Amino acid sequence: MKFYVYIITNKPKGVLYIGFTKDLKRRLYQHKNKVHPTTFSSRYNLNKLVFFESFETEKEARLREKRVKKWNRDWKIELIEINNPEWKDLYDKI
């Protein structure tokens, strides 16, 4: 089983949400369809997957999520732009 850390947004350099999941496709489906309408991602219409990485263990993924959440905004944007300079929605790649 793989574990994932991901970043979603609503537009390039817009509001960012960093999350962790063991089922990336299911989790992104939830974000895109606002399955949980009162959450942060639903309120800000965050439904565009712009970055993700996979890990072999839950512990590694959770640690990476916590670290990235503590980064300043410029570092998060740099991480996205190094891997996805056009801020394309990567949903079809998972």
Protein backbone atom coordinates (compact mmCIF):
# COMPACT_ATOMS: atom_id res chain seq x y z
CA MET A 1 0.00 0.00 0.00
CA LYS A 2 1.15 3.53 -0.77
CA PHE A 3 0.52 6.71 1.17
CA TYR A 4 0.35 10.16 -0.36
CA VAL A 5 0.98 13.78 0.47
CA TYR A 6 -0.74 16.15 -1.91
CA ILE A 7 -1.40 19.83 -2.57
CA ILE A 8 -4.61 21.14 -4.09
CA THR A 9 -5.59 24.65 -5.10
CA ASN A 10 -8.23 26.54 -7.05
CA LYS A 11 -5.89 28.48 -9.38
CA PRO A 12 -2.15 29.06 -9.88
CA LYS A 13 -0.67 30.62 -6.77
CA GLY A 14 -4.09 30.60 -5.11
CA VAL A 15 -5.11 29.15 -1.77
CA LEU A 16 -3.18 25.94 -1.01
CA TYR A 17 -4.29 22.88 0.94
CA ILE A 18 -1.85 20.15 1.95
CA GLY A 19 -3.23 16.75 2.78
CA PHE A 20 -2.38 13.13 3.48
CA THR A 21 -4.23 10.03 2.30
CA LYS A 22 -3.84 6.36 1.55
CA ASP A 23 -6.28 6.54 -1.39
CA LEU A 24 -5.43 9.57 -3.50
CA LYS A 25 -8.00 8.99 -6.22
CA ARG A 26 -10.85 8.62 -3.71
CA ARG A 27 -9.71 11.63 -1.70
CA LEU A 28 -9.47 13.86 -4.78
CA TYR A 29 -12.91 12.70 -5.88
CA GLN A 30 -14.18 13.90 -2.49
CA HIS A 31 -12.50 17.29 -2.91
CA LYS A 32 -13.74 17.74 -6.49
CA ASN A 33 -17.32 16.79 -5.60
CA LYS A 34 -17.43 18.62 -2.25
CA VAL A 35 -18.50 15.46 -0.45
CA HIS A 36 -17.77 17.28 2.83
CA PRO A 37 -19.26 20.73 2.09
CA THR A 38 -18.18 22.46 5.31
CA THR A 39 -14.46 21.70 5.01
CA PHE A 40 -11.75 24.23 4.17
CA SER A 41 -11.20 22.76 0.71
CA SER A 42 -14.93 22.94 -0.11
CA ARG A 43 -15.34 26.51 1.14
CA TYR A 44 -12.44 27.69 -1.03
CA ASN A 45 -13.31 25.47 -4.01
CA LEU A 46 -9.94 23.69 -3.84
CA ASN A 47 -10.24 20.89 -6.37
CA LYS A 48 -7.15 21.05 -8.58
CA LEU A 49 -4.36 18.58 -7.74
CA VAL A 50 -1.07 20.38 -8.43
CA PHE A 51 1.41 18.21 -6.50
CA PHE A 52 1.61 14.78 -4.96
CA GLU A 53 4.24 12.33 -3.80
CA SER A 54 4.01 8.77 -2.57
CA PHE A 55 5.56 6.99 0.39
CA GLU A 56 5.91 3.38 1.41
CA THR A 57 4.84 3.94 5.01
CA GLU A 58 2.17 5.98 6.72
CA LYS A 59 4.74 7.33 9.14
CA GLU A 60 6.88 8.78 6.32
CA ALA A 61 3.88 10.39 4.65
CA ARG A 62 2.52 11.92 7.84
CA LEU A 63 5.94 13.31 8.72
CA ARG A 64 6.31 14.86 5.25
CA GLU A 65 2.80 16.36 5.46
CA LYS A 66 3.58 17.97 8.83
CA ARG A 67 6.87 19.37 7.55
CA VAL A 68 5.42 20.82 4.34
CA LYS A 69 2.52 22.39 6.25
CA LYS A 70 5.07 24.29 8.36
CA TRP A 71 6.90 25.66 5.31
CA ASN A 72 6.38 29.24 4.28
CA ARG A 73 4.17 29.87 1.28
CA ASP A 74 7.06 30.65 -1.10
CA TRP A 75 8.64 27.24 -0.44
CA LYS A 76 5.33 25.48 -1.14
CA ILE A 77 4.93 27.38 -4.41
CA GLU A 78 8.51 26.52 -5.37
CA LEU A 79 7.85 22.83 -4.68
CA ILE A 80 4.83 22.94 -6.99
CA GLU A 81 6.57 24.91 -9.73
CA ILE A 82 9.63 22.63 -9.80
CA ASN A 83 7.37 19.62 -10.38
CA ASN A 84 4.43 21.22 -12.19
CA PRO A 85 5.45 24.62 -13.61
CA GLU A 86 2.16 25.09 -15.49
CA TRP A 87 0.04 24.27 -12.43
CA LYS A 88 -1.86 21.63 -14.40
CA ASP A 89 -4.45 19.49 -12.67
CA LEU A 90 -2.70 16.15 -12.14
CA TYR A 91 -5.88 14.22 -11.31
CA ASP A 92 -5.69 12.19 -14.55
CA LYS A 93 -2.16 11.07 -13.67
CA ILE A 94 -3.19 9.15 -10.57
